[in-house]
N, C-alpha and C. Protein backbone atom coordinates (compact mmCIF):
# COMPACT_ATOMS: atom_id res chain seq x y z
N MET A 1 -18.87 -3.52 0.67
CA MET A 1 -17.72 -4.39 0.62
C MET A 1 -17.17 -4.53 2.05
N SER A 2 -16.82 -5.74 2.44
CA SER A 2 -16.33 -5.99 3.79
C SER A 2 -14.90 -5.48 3.97
N ILE A 3 -14.48 -5.39 5.21
CA ILE A 3 -13.12 -4.96 5.52
C ILE A 3 -12.11 -5.89 4.85
N SER A 4 -12.33 -7.20 4.94
CA SER A 4 -11.38 -8.15 4.37
C SER A 4 -11.32 -8.02 2.84
N GLU A 5 -12.46 -7.79 2.20
CA GLU A 5 -12.46 -7.60 0.75
C GLU A 5 -11.72 -6.32 0.36
N ARG A 6 -11.96 -5.27 1.12
CA ARG A 6 -11.27 -4.00 0.86
C ARG A 6 -9.77 -4.14 1.08
N TYR A 7 -9.39 -4.86 2.11
CA TYR A 7 -7.98 -5.07 2.41
C TYR A 7 -7.31 -5.84 1.26
N ARG A 8 -7.93 -6.93 0.83
CA ARG A 8 -7.37 -7.73 -0.25
C ARG A 8 -7.28 -6.93 -1.55
N SER A 9 -8.28 -6.12 -1.81
CA SER A 9 -8.26 -5.26 -3.00
C SER A 9 -7.11 -4.26 -2.92
N LEU A 10 -6.90 -3.71 -1.74
CA LEU A 10 -5.80 -2.78 -1.52
C LEU A 10 -4.46 -3.46 -1.78
N VAL A 11 -4.30 -4.66 -1.26
CA VAL A 11 -3.05 -5.41 -1.45
C VAL A 11 -2.81 -5.64 -2.94
N LYS A 12 -3.83 -6.03 -3.67
CA LYS A 12 -3.69 -6.26 -5.12
C LYS A 12 -3.25 -4.99 -5.84
N ARG A 13 -3.84 -3.87 -5.45
CA ARG A 13 -3.47 -2.60 -6.09
C ARG A 13 -2.01 -2.25 -5.83
N VAL A 14 -1.56 -2.44 -4.60
CA VAL A 14 -0.17 -2.13 -4.26
C VAL A 14 0.78 -3.10 -4.97
N GLU A 15 0.37 -4.36 -5.08
CA GLU A 15 1.18 -5.33 -5.82
C GLU A 15 1.32 -4.93 -7.29
N LYS A 16 0.26 -4.44 -7.89
CA LYS A 16 0.30 -3.99 -9.29
C LYS A 16 1.21 -2.78 -9.45
N ILE A 17 1.14 -1.87 -8.49
CA ILE A 17 2.03 -0.70 -8.54
C ILE A 17 3.48 -1.14 -8.44
N LEU A 18 3.77 -2.07 -7.53
CA LEU A 18 5.13 -2.59 -7.40
C LEU A 18 5.57 -3.25 -8.69
N GLU A 19 4.71 -4.06 -9.26
CA GLU A 19 5.04 -4.74 -10.52
C GLU A 19 5.36 -3.72 -11.61
N ASN A 20 4.57 -2.66 -11.68
CA ASN A 20 4.80 -1.61 -12.66
C ASN A 20 6.14 -0.92 -12.42
N LEU A 21 6.45 -0.65 -11.16
CA LEU A 21 7.72 -0.01 -10.83
C LEU A 21 8.91 -0.93 -11.14
N GLU A 22 8.74 -2.21 -10.93
CA GLU A 22 9.82 -3.16 -11.23
C GLU A 22 10.02 -3.31 -12.73
N ASP A 23 8.92 -3.33 -13.47
CA ASP A 23 9.01 -3.47 -14.93
C ASP A 23 9.57 -2.22 -15.60
N ASP A 24 9.27 -1.07 -15.04
CA ASP A 24 9.71 0.20 -15.60
C ASP A 24 10.19 1.09 -14.46
N PRO A 25 11.40 0.80 -13.92
CA PRO A 25 11.87 1.55 -12.75
C PRO A 25 12.04 3.04 -13.06
N PRO A 26 11.78 3.87 -12.06
CA PRO A 26 11.97 5.30 -12.25
C PRO A 26 13.43 5.61 -12.57
N GLU A 27 13.61 6.55 -13.44
CA GLU A 27 14.96 6.91 -13.86
C GLU A 27 15.71 7.57 -12.70
N GLY A 28 16.88 7.08 -12.43
CA GLY A 28 17.75 7.70 -11.44
C GLY A 28 17.66 7.17 -10.03
N SER A 29 16.66 6.33 -9.73
CA SER A 29 16.53 5.85 -8.36
C SER A 29 15.74 4.55 -8.29
N ARG A 30 16.27 3.61 -7.53
CA ARG A 30 15.54 2.36 -7.27
C ARG A 30 14.80 2.43 -5.94
N ARG A 31 14.97 3.53 -5.23
CA ARG A 31 14.36 3.67 -3.91
C ARG A 31 12.83 3.53 -3.93
N PRO A 32 12.13 4.11 -4.93
CA PRO A 32 10.68 3.92 -4.95
C PRO A 32 10.28 2.45 -5.07
N VAL A 33 11.05 1.68 -5.82
CA VAL A 33 10.77 0.24 -5.97
C VAL A 33 10.95 -0.45 -4.62
N THR A 34 12.00 -0.11 -3.92
CA THR A 34 12.28 -0.69 -2.61
C THR A 34 11.17 -0.36 -1.62
N LEU A 35 10.74 0.89 -1.60
CA LEU A 35 9.69 1.31 -0.67
C LEU A 35 8.36 0.63 -0.97
N ALA A 36 8.01 0.54 -2.24
CA ALA A 36 6.78 -0.16 -2.62
C ALA A 36 6.88 -1.63 -2.24
N GLY A 37 8.06 -2.22 -2.41
CA GLY A 37 8.27 -3.62 -2.02
C GLY A 37 8.08 -3.83 -0.53
N LYS A 38 8.56 -2.89 0.28
CA LYS A 38 8.36 -2.97 1.73
C LYS A 38 6.89 -2.91 2.09
N ALA A 39 6.17 -2.04 1.41
CA ALA A 39 4.73 -1.92 1.67
C ALA A 39 4.01 -3.23 1.35
N VAL A 40 4.36 -3.83 0.21
CA VAL A 40 3.74 -5.10 -0.18
C VAL A 40 4.06 -6.19 0.83
N GLU A 41 5.32 -6.26 1.24
CA GLU A 41 5.72 -7.28 2.23
C GLU A 41 4.90 -7.18 3.50
N GLY A 42 4.70 -5.97 3.97
CA GLY A 42 3.92 -5.79 5.20
C GLY A 42 2.45 -6.13 5.02
N LEU A 43 1.88 -5.71 3.90
CA LEU A 43 0.46 -5.94 3.65
C LEU A 43 0.14 -7.40 3.40
N ILE A 44 1.05 -8.10 2.75
CA ILE A 44 0.82 -9.50 2.38
C ILE A 44 0.66 -10.40 3.60
N GLU A 45 1.23 -9.96 4.72
CA GLU A 45 1.17 -10.75 5.94
C GLU A 45 -0.26 -11.18 6.30
N PHE A 46 -1.23 -10.29 6.06
CA PHE A 46 -2.61 -10.60 6.43
C PHE A 46 -3.53 -10.80 5.23
N LYS A 47 -2.97 -10.84 4.04
CA LYS A 47 -3.80 -10.93 2.83
C LYS A 47 -4.76 -12.12 2.88
N GLU A 48 -4.28 -13.28 3.24
CA GLU A 48 -5.12 -14.47 3.25
C GLU A 48 -5.89 -14.63 4.55
N SER A 49 -5.30 -14.21 5.64
CA SER A 49 -5.93 -14.48 6.95
C SER A 49 -6.82 -13.35 7.45
N VAL A 50 -6.92 -12.25 6.72
CA VAL A 50 -7.69 -11.11 7.21
C VAL A 50 -9.15 -11.48 7.49
N GLY A 51 -9.70 -12.37 6.72
CA GLY A 51 -11.08 -12.78 6.93
C GLY A 51 -11.29 -13.64 8.16
N GLU A 52 -10.21 -14.19 8.69
CA GLU A 52 -10.28 -15.06 9.87
C GLU A 52 -10.09 -14.30 11.18
N VAL A 53 -9.63 -13.05 11.08
CA VAL A 53 -9.40 -12.24 12.28
C VAL A 53 -10.76 -11.78 12.79
N PRO A 54 -11.04 -12.02 14.07
CA PRO A 54 -12.33 -11.56 14.63
C PRO A 54 -12.46 -10.05 14.48
N ARG A 55 -13.65 -9.60 14.20
CA ARG A 55 -13.93 -8.18 13.95
C ARG A 55 -13.40 -7.30 15.08
N ILE A 56 -13.50 -7.75 16.28
CA ILE A 56 -13.07 -6.96 17.43
C ILE A 56 -11.54 -6.78 17.47
N ARG A 57 -10.80 -7.66 16.80
CA ARG A 57 -9.34 -7.59 16.81
C ARG A 57 -8.76 -6.99 15.53
N LEU A 58 -9.61 -6.70 14.56
CA LEU A 58 -9.12 -6.18 13.28
C LEU A 58 -8.32 -4.90 13.45
N GLU A 59 -8.82 -3.99 14.26
CA GLU A 59 -8.13 -2.72 14.44
C GLU A 59 -6.73 -2.94 15.00
N ASP A 60 -6.61 -3.79 16.02
CA ASP A 60 -5.31 -4.06 16.62
C ASP A 60 -4.34 -4.71 15.65
N LYS A 61 -4.85 -5.60 14.82
CA LYS A 61 -4.00 -6.35 13.89
C LYS A 61 -3.63 -5.55 12.65
N LEU A 62 -4.63 -4.87 12.07
CA LEU A 62 -4.41 -4.23 10.77
C LEU A 62 -3.86 -2.80 10.84
N SER A 63 -4.21 -2.07 11.86
CA SER A 63 -3.78 -0.66 11.93
C SER A 63 -2.27 -0.48 11.81
N PRO A 64 -1.46 -1.20 12.57
CA PRO A 64 -0.01 -1.01 12.45
C PRO A 64 0.50 -1.36 11.05
N VAL A 65 -0.06 -2.41 10.46
CA VAL A 65 0.36 -2.84 9.12
C VAL A 65 -0.01 -1.77 8.10
N LEU A 66 -1.22 -1.25 8.20
CA LEU A 66 -1.67 -0.23 7.26
C LEU A 66 -0.89 1.08 7.43
N LEU A 67 -0.59 1.43 8.65
CA LEU A 67 0.17 2.67 8.88
C LEU A 67 1.60 2.57 8.35
N ARG A 68 2.24 1.41 8.53
CA ARG A 68 3.58 1.22 7.98
C ARG A 68 3.55 1.25 6.46
N ALA A 69 2.57 0.59 5.87
CA ALA A 69 2.44 0.58 4.41
C ALA A 69 2.21 2.01 3.90
N HIS A 70 1.37 2.74 4.61
CA HIS A 70 1.10 4.12 4.20
C HIS A 70 2.37 4.95 4.23
N THR A 71 3.16 4.80 5.28
CA THR A 71 4.41 5.54 5.39
C THR A 71 5.35 5.22 4.24
N ASP A 72 5.51 3.94 3.92
CA ASP A 72 6.38 3.53 2.82
C ASP A 72 5.86 4.05 1.48
N LEU A 73 4.56 3.96 1.27
CA LEU A 73 3.98 4.42 0.02
C LEU A 73 4.06 5.94 -0.10
N ASP A 74 3.93 6.63 1.02
CA ASP A 74 4.03 8.09 0.99
C ASP A 74 5.45 8.51 0.61
N ARG A 75 6.44 7.86 1.15
CA ARG A 75 7.83 8.16 0.78
C ARG A 75 8.07 7.85 -0.69
N CYS A 76 7.52 6.73 -1.14
CA CYS A 76 7.64 6.35 -2.55
C CYS A 76 7.00 7.43 -3.43
N ARG A 77 5.82 7.87 -3.06
CA ARG A 77 5.11 8.90 -3.83
C ARG A 77 5.92 10.19 -3.90
N MET A 78 6.48 10.61 -2.78
CA MET A 78 7.25 11.85 -2.76
C MET A 78 8.48 11.74 -3.65
N LEU A 79 9.13 10.58 -3.64
CA LEU A 79 10.29 10.39 -4.52
C LEU A 79 9.88 10.44 -5.99
N LEU A 80 8.75 9.81 -6.29
CA LEU A 80 8.26 9.85 -7.68
C LEU A 80 7.92 11.27 -8.10
N GLU A 81 7.34 12.05 -7.21
CA GLU A 81 7.04 13.45 -7.53
C GLU A 81 8.33 14.23 -7.77
N GLU A 82 9.36 13.96 -6.96
CA GLU A 82 10.63 14.67 -7.11
C GLU A 82 11.27 14.42 -8.47
N ILE A 83 11.11 13.20 -8.99
CA ILE A 83 11.74 12.89 -10.28
C ILE A 83 10.79 13.13 -11.45
N GLY A 84 9.61 13.65 -11.15
CA GLY A 84 8.69 14.03 -12.20
C GLY A 84 7.76 12.94 -12.72
N ASP A 85 7.63 11.86 -11.98
CA ASP A 85 6.75 10.76 -12.38
C ASP A 85 5.37 10.97 -11.75
N GLU A 86 4.69 11.98 -12.26
CA GLU A 86 3.43 12.42 -11.67
C GLU A 86 2.30 11.39 -11.77
N ASP A 87 2.26 10.63 -12.86
CA ASP A 87 1.17 9.66 -13.03
C ASP A 87 1.21 8.57 -11.96
N ARG A 88 2.38 8.01 -11.75
CA ARG A 88 2.47 6.96 -10.72
C ARG A 88 2.34 7.54 -9.32
N ALA A 89 2.81 8.76 -9.14
CA ALA A 89 2.63 9.43 -7.84
C ALA A 89 1.14 9.61 -7.55
N ALA A 90 0.37 9.95 -8.57
CA ALA A 90 -1.07 10.13 -8.39
C ALA A 90 -1.75 8.80 -8.04
N LEU A 91 -1.31 7.71 -8.64
CA LEU A 91 -1.85 6.39 -8.30
C LEU A 91 -1.58 6.06 -6.83
N LEU A 92 -0.38 6.36 -6.40
CA LEU A 92 -0.03 6.10 -5.01
C LEU A 92 -0.86 6.97 -4.07
N TRP A 93 -1.12 8.21 -4.46
CA TRP A 93 -1.93 9.08 -3.62
C TRP A 93 -3.33 8.49 -3.44
N GLU A 94 -3.89 7.94 -4.50
CA GLU A 94 -5.21 7.30 -4.42
C GLU A 94 -5.17 6.11 -3.46
N VAL A 95 -4.12 5.32 -3.53
CA VAL A 95 -3.98 4.17 -2.63
C VAL A 95 -3.84 4.64 -1.19
N GLU A 96 -3.08 5.69 -0.98
CA GLU A 96 -2.93 6.23 0.36
C GLU A 96 -4.29 6.67 0.93
N GLN A 97 -5.10 7.28 0.10
CA GLN A 97 -6.43 7.71 0.53
C GLN A 97 -7.30 6.49 0.89
N ASP A 98 -7.16 5.43 0.12
CA ASP A 98 -7.90 4.20 0.42
C ASP A 98 -7.45 3.59 1.75
N ILE A 99 -6.17 3.71 2.04
CA ILE A 99 -5.66 3.22 3.32
C ILE A 99 -6.30 4.02 4.46
N TYR A 100 -6.35 5.34 4.32
CA TYR A 100 -7.00 6.16 5.34
C TYR A 100 -8.46 5.77 5.53
N ARG A 101 -9.17 5.55 4.43
CA ARG A 101 -10.57 5.17 4.52
C ARG A 101 -10.72 3.84 5.24
N LEU A 102 -9.84 2.91 4.93
CA LEU A 102 -9.90 1.60 5.58
C LEU A 102 -9.61 1.74 7.07
N LEU A 103 -8.62 2.54 7.41
CA LEU A 103 -8.31 2.77 8.82
C LEU A 103 -9.51 3.38 9.55
N ASN A 104 -10.17 4.31 8.90
CA ASN A 104 -11.35 4.93 9.52
C ASN A 104 -12.49 3.91 9.71
N SER A 105 -12.56 2.93 8.85
CA SER A 105 -13.60 1.91 8.96
C SER A 105 -13.33 0.93 10.09
N LEU A 106 -12.07 0.82 10.48
CA LEU A 106 -11.73 -0.10 11.55
C LEU A 106 -12.21 0.45 12.87
């Protein structure tokens, strides 16, 4: 799978997580929803144009976006763990690992 396909797949997964959080917000805090929303906003910037970025510039363009998204998702995951929402926290952990793998591929 190409970098652009992996990136788009990652964006879709984060969008689904955000949708799930919006539909069924964690009890006691809207902060995880806000953090997931920030991650989606950042990732969406290159969702359509990632395939047009020259391979040599992908690292420069995508790394900062992926690192910011990872930070937001990590905070979201920790908050979910604190309130006992282990299932969604585990989903976020998987996405975070995919972000690391994508960064390593760049």
